[in-house]
C-alpha atoms as a PDB file:
ATOM      1  CA  MET A   1     -13.586  31.187  -2.936  1.00  0.00           C
ATOM      2  CA  ILE A   2     -10.454  31.229  -0.794  1.00  0.00           C
ATOM      3  CA  ASP A   3     -12.293  29.541   2.081  1.00  0.00           C
ATOM      4  CA  ARG A   4     -13.478  26.722  -0.205  1.00  0.00           C
ATOM      5  CA  LYS A   5      -9.927  26.215  -1.497  1.00  0.00           C
ATOM      6  CA  LYS A   6      -8.636  26.196   2.094  1.00  0.00           C
ATOM      7  CA  ASP A   7     -11.312  23.659   3.129  1.00  0.00           C
ATOM      8  CA  PHE A   8     -10.359  21.469   0.168  1.00  0.00           C
ATOM      9  CA  LEU A   9      -6.670  21.590   1.093  1.00  0.00           C
ATOM     10  CA  VAL A  10      -7.396  20.734   4.729  1.00  0.00           C
ATOM     11  CA  SER A  11      -9.592  17.818   3.640  1.00  0.00           C
ATOM     12  CA  ASP A  12      -6.946  16.755   1.117  1.00  0.00           C
ATOM     13  CA  ASN A  13      -4.241  16.822   3.775  1.00  0.00           C
ATOM     14  CA  LYS A  14      -6.360  14.783   6.224  1.00  0.00           C
ATOM     15  CA  ILE A  15      -6.924  12.075   3.629  1.00  0.00           C
ATOM     16  CA  ILE A  16      -3.238  11.992   2.741  1.00  0.00           C
ATOM     17  CA  ALA A  17      -2.159  12.017   6.408  1.00  0.00           C
ATOM     18  CA  SER A  18      -4.471   9.095   7.173  1.00  0.00           C
ATOM     19  CA  TRP A  19      -3.201   7.234   4.118  1.00  0.00           C
ATOM     20  CA  LEU A  20       0.437   7.804   5.102  1.00  0.00           C
ATOM     21  CA  LYS A  21      -0.376   6.513   8.592  1.00  0.00           C
ATOM     22  CA  GLU A  22      -1.797   3.394   6.943  1.00  0.00           C
ATOM     23  CA  ARG A  23       1.414   3.107   4.897  1.00  0.00           C
ATOM     24  CA  LYS A  24       3.457   3.222   8.092  1.00  0.00           C
ATOM     25  CA  GLU A  25       1.276   0.501   9.628  1.00  0.00           C
ATOM     26  CA  LEU A  26       1.803  -1.627   6.511  1.00  0.00           C
ATOM     27  CA  LEU A  27       5.575  -1.225   6.748  1.00  0.00           C
ATOM     28  CA  VAL A  28       5.567  -2.079  10.457  1.00  0.00           C
ATOM     29  CA  LEU A  29       3.620  -5.282   9.758  1.00  0.00           C
ATOM     30  CA  TYR A  30       5.960  -6.096   6.883  1.00  0.00           C
ATOM     31  CA  SER A  31       8.950  -5.687   9.223  1.00  0.00           C
ATOM     32  CA  GLN A  32       7.297  -7.910  11.815  1.00  0.00           C
ATOM     33  CA  LEU A  33       6.757 -10.606   9.195  1.00  0.00           C
ATOM     34  CA  VAL A  34      10.392 -10.354   8.138  1.00  0.00           C
ATOM     35  CA  ALA A  35      11.364 -11.025  11.757  1.00  0.00           C
ATOM     36  CA  ILE A  36       9.365 -14.272  11.998  1.00  0.00           C
ATOM     37  CA  ASN A  37      11.511 -17.292  12.809  1.00  0.00           C
ATOM     38  CA  ASP A  38      11.142 -20.934  13.791  1.00  0.00           C
ATOM     39  CA  GLU A  39      10.346 -19.935  17.375  1.00  0.00           C
ATOM     40  CA  THR A  40       7.398 -17.732  16.390  1.00  0.00           C
ATOM     41  CA  PRO A  41       4.135 -19.381  17.440  1.00  0.00           C
ATOM     42  CA  GLU A  42       2.058 -20.482  14.452  1.00  0.00           C
ATOM     43  CA  ALA A  43      -1.012 -18.542  15.635  1.00  0.00           C
ATOM     44  CA  GLU A  44       1.032 -15.330  15.860  1.00  0.00           C
ATOM     45  CA  GLU A  45       2.422 -15.874  12.368  1.00  0.00           C
ATOM     46  CA  ILE A  46      -1.047 -16.486  10.919  1.00  0.00           C
ATOM     47  CA  GLU A  47      -2.411 -13.368  12.662  1.00  0.00           C
ATOM     48  CA  LEU A  48       0.451 -11.255  11.288  1.00  0.00           C
ATOM     49  CA  ILE A  49      -0.124 -12.511   7.748  1.00  0.00           C
ATOM     50  CA  ASN A  50      -3.862 -11.825   8.012  1.00  0.00           C
ATOM     51  CA  SER A  51      -3.272  -8.350   9.451  1.00  0.00           C
ATOM     52  CA  PHE A  52      -0.706  -7.550   6.784  1.00  0.00           C
ATOM     53  CA  SER A  53      -3.070  -8.675   4.006  1.00  0.00           C
ATOM     54  CA  ALA A  54      -5.928  -6.570   5.398  1.00  0.00           C
ATOM     55  CA  VAL A  55      -3.822  -3.429   5.803  1.00  0.00           C
ATOM     56  CA  LEU A  56      -2.277  -3.964   2.364  1.00  0.00           C
ATOM     57  CA  ILE A  57      -5.701  -3.954   0.710  1.00  0.00           C
ATOM     58  CA  ASP A  58      -6.885  -0.992   2.790  1.00  0.00           C
ATOM     59  CA  TYR A  59      -3.772   0.969   1.827  1.00  0.00           C
ATOM     60  CA  VAL A  60      -4.062   0.145  -1.877  1.00  0.00           C
ATOM     61  CA  SER A  61      -7.795   0.925  -1.899  1.00  0.00           C
ATOM     62  CA  THR A  62      -7.375   4.238  -0.105  1.00  0.00           C
ATOM     63  CA  GLY A  63      -4.751   5.207  -2.652  1.00  0.00           C
ATOM     64  CA  HIS A  64      -6.933   4.398  -5.633  1.00  0.00           C
ATOM     65  CA  PHE A  65     -10.276   5.607  -4.317  1.00  0.00           C
ATOM     66  CA  GLY A  66      -9.242   8.531  -2.145  1.00  0.00           C
ATOM     67  CA  VAL A  67      -5.747   9.884  -2.465  1.00  0.00           C
ATOM     68  CA  TYR A  68      -5.112   9.644  -6.207  1.00  0.00           C
ATOM     69  CA  GLU A  69      -8.460  11.285  -6.960  1.00  0.00           C
ATOM     70  CA  GLN A  70      -7.380  14.193  -4.749  1.00  0.00           C
ATOM     71  CA  LEU A  71      -3.898  14.406  -6.260  1.00  0.00           C
ATOM     72  CA  ILE A  72      -4.615  14.158  -9.994  1.00  0.00           C
ATOM     73  CA  PRO A  73      -6.092  17.648 -10.482  1.00  0.00           C
ATOM     74  CA  ASN A  74      -3.127  19.227  -8.679  1.00  0.00           C
ATOM     75  CA  LEU A  75      -0.199  17.349 -10.240  1.00  0.00           C
ATOM     76  CA  SER A  76       2.473  19.332 -12.029  1.00  0.00           C
ATOM     77  CA  LEU A  77       3.483  16.294 -14.110  1.00  0.00           C
ATOM     78  CA  SER A  78       2.740  15.934 -17.811  1.00  0.00           C
ATOM     79  CA  LYS A  79      -0.193  13.691 -18.721  1.00  0.00           C
ATOM     80  CA  GLU A  80       2.280  11.211 -20.241  1.00  0.00           C
ATOM     81  CA  HIS A  81       4.354  11.079 -17.061  1.00  0.00           C
ATOM     82  CA  GLN A  82       1.191  10.668 -14.969  1.00  0.00           C
ATOM     83  CA  ALA A  83       0.043   7.827 -17.229  1.00  0.00           C
ATOM     84  CA  HIS A  84       3.429   6.119 -16.858  1.00  0.00           C
ATOM     85  CA  ILE A  85       3.393   6.422 -13.060  1.00  0.00           C
ATOM     86  CA  PHE A  86      -0.207   5.269 -12.706  1.00  0.00           C
ATOM     87  CA  GLY A  87       0.487   2.374 -15.074  1.00  0.00           C
ATOM     88  CA  GLN A  88       3.279   1.193 -12.803  1.00  0.00           C
ATOM     89  CA  ILE A  89       1.130   1.714  -9.709  1.00  0.00           C
ATOM     90  CA  TYR A  90      -1.581  -0.400 -11.344  1.00  0.00           C
ATOM     91  CA  GLN A  91       0.962  -3.223 -11.803  1.00  0.00           C
ATOM     92  CA  THR A  92       1.775  -3.120  -8.087  1.00  0.00           C
ATOM     93  CA  THR A  93      -1.958  -3.171  -7.346  1.00  0.00           C
ATOM     94  CA  GLU A  94      -2.303  -6.411  -9.296  1.00  0.00           C
ATOM     95  CA  ILE A  95       0.537  -7.919  -7.257  1.00  0.00           C
ATOM     96  CA  ALA A  96      -1.127  -6.781  -4.014  1.00  0.00           C
ATOM     97  CA  LEU A  97      -4.466  -8.268  -5.063  1.00  0.00           C
ATOM     98  CA  ALA A  98      -2.805 -11.574  -5.961  1.00  0.00           C
ATOM     99  CA  PHE A  99      -1.029 -11.660  -2.595  1.00  0.00           C
ATOM    100  CA  ASN A 100      -4.293 -10.937  -0.818  1.00  0.00           C
ATOM    101  CA  ASP A 101      -6.101 -13.646  -2.787  1.00  0.00           C
ATOM    102  CA  ASN A 102      -3.532 -16.165  -1.554  1.00  0.00           C
ATOM    103  CA  TYR A 103      -3.196 -15.059   2.067  1.00  0.00           C
ATOM    104  CA  GLU A 104      -6.367 -13.242   3.150  1.00  0.00           C
ATOM    105  CA  ASN A 105      -7.940 -14.833   6.227  1.00  0.00           C
ATOM    106  CA  ILE A 106      -5.714 -17.903   6.235  1.00  0.00           C
ATOM    107  CA  SER A 107      -6.275 -20.339   9.077  1.00  0.00           C
ATOM    108  CA  ALA A 108      -3.130 -22.445   8.725  1.00  0.00           C
ATOM    109  CA  LYS A 109       0.523 -21.681   8.254  1.00  0.00           C
ATOM    110  CA  PRO A 110       1.246 -21.294   4.516  1.00  0.00           C
ATOM    111  CA  ASP A 111       3.796 -23.307   2.565  1.00  0.00           C
ATOM    112  CA  LEU A 112       7.097 -21.673   3.516  1.00  0.00           C
ATOM    113  CA  ASP A 113       8.712 -21.751   0.063  1.00  0.00           C
ATOM    114  CA  LYS A 114       5.671 -20.281  -1.680  1.00  0.00           C
ATOM    115  CA  PHE A 115       5.115 -17.669   1.023  1.00  0.00           C
ATOM    116  CA  THR A 116       8.778 -16.629   0.982  1.00  0.00           C
ATOM    117  CA  LYS A 117       8.628 -16.110  -2.788  1.00  0.00           C
ATOM    118  CA  ASP A 118       5.294 -14.251  -2.654  1.00  0.00           C
ATOM    119  CA  PHE A 119       6.440 -12.148   0.303  1.00  0.00           C
ATOM    120  CA  SER A 120       9.567 -11.120  -1.583  1.00  0.00           C
ATOM    121  CA  ILE A 121       7.479 -10.145  -4.613  1.00  0.00           C
ATOM    122  CA  ILE A 122       5.035  -8.074  -2.539  1.00  0.00           C
ATOM    123  CA  GLY A 123       7.921  -6.405  -0.707  1.00  0.00           C
ATOM    124  CA  GLU A 124       9.443  -5.291  -3.995  1.00  0.00           C
ATOM    125  CA  ALA A 125       6.042  -4.123  -5.262  1.00  0.00           C
ATOM    126  CA  ILE A 126       5.446  -2.081  -2.097  1.00  0.00           C
ATOM    127  CA  SER A 127       8.863  -0.458  -2.463  1.00  0.00           C
ATOM    128  CA  ILE A 128       8.184   0.473  -6.096  1.00  0.00           C
ATOM    129  CA  ARG A 129       4.697   1.721  -5.240  1.00  0.00           C
ATOM    130  CA  ILE A 130       5.931   3.935  -2.405  1.00  0.00           C
ATOM    131  CA  ASP A 131       8.588   5.478  -4.656  1.00  0.00           C
ATOM    132  CA  LEU A 132       5.954   6.224  -7.303  1.00  0.00           C
ATOM    133  CA  GLU A 133       3.478   7.612  -4.794  1.00  0.00           C
ATOM    134  CA  ASP A 134       6.162   9.832  -3.307  1.00  0.00           C
ATOM    135  CA  LYS A 135       6.801  11.232  -6.794  1.00  0.00           C
ATOM    136  CA  LEU A 136       3.106  12.062  -7.052  1.00  0.00           C
ATOM    137  CA  LEU A 137       3.070  13.696  -3.629  1.00  0.00           C
ATOM    138  CA  ALA A 138       6.156  15.749  -4.457  1.00  0.00           C
ATOM    139  CA  SER A 139       4.617  17.028  -7.690  1.00  0.00           C
ATOM    140  CA  ARG A 140       1.464  18.523  -6.232  1.00  0.00           C
END
C-alpha cells in the first residue's frame, strides 16, 4: 500500500514538474513577444506568435487533462472553493482558446491594434490562471 502511494506521488510530481516547465516556457515566449519592436523581422515575429499559441494550448490542455485530475482528490479546499477556482480557470481557458483560434499557425503579421488588445487580454488571463493554479498546488 505504501509503495503504491509512493509511486502515485512520484508520478504526480513528474506530471506537475513537466507542467511547470511548460508554464515557464510559456512565460519566456510571452516575454519575448513583449520585447518585439519595429526592428524585429516579420518572420521572427510570426514564429514567436505561433510558438506561443502552441505552448499556450499545450499548457492549458496539460492542466485540464493531467494536472487537475491528479490534484482534485488531494485538495484541502472545500468543494465550493474548488468550484469557484475551477470556474475562474475555465474562464481563462476560454480566453486561451479564443487567442489560439485567432493566432494559431498564422502566416502573416497580424493587425497590430487587434493583436495588442488580444495579447493584453491573454496576458491578464495567464496571470489570473497562474495565481489560481498556485492556490491549488499549495492546497494539496
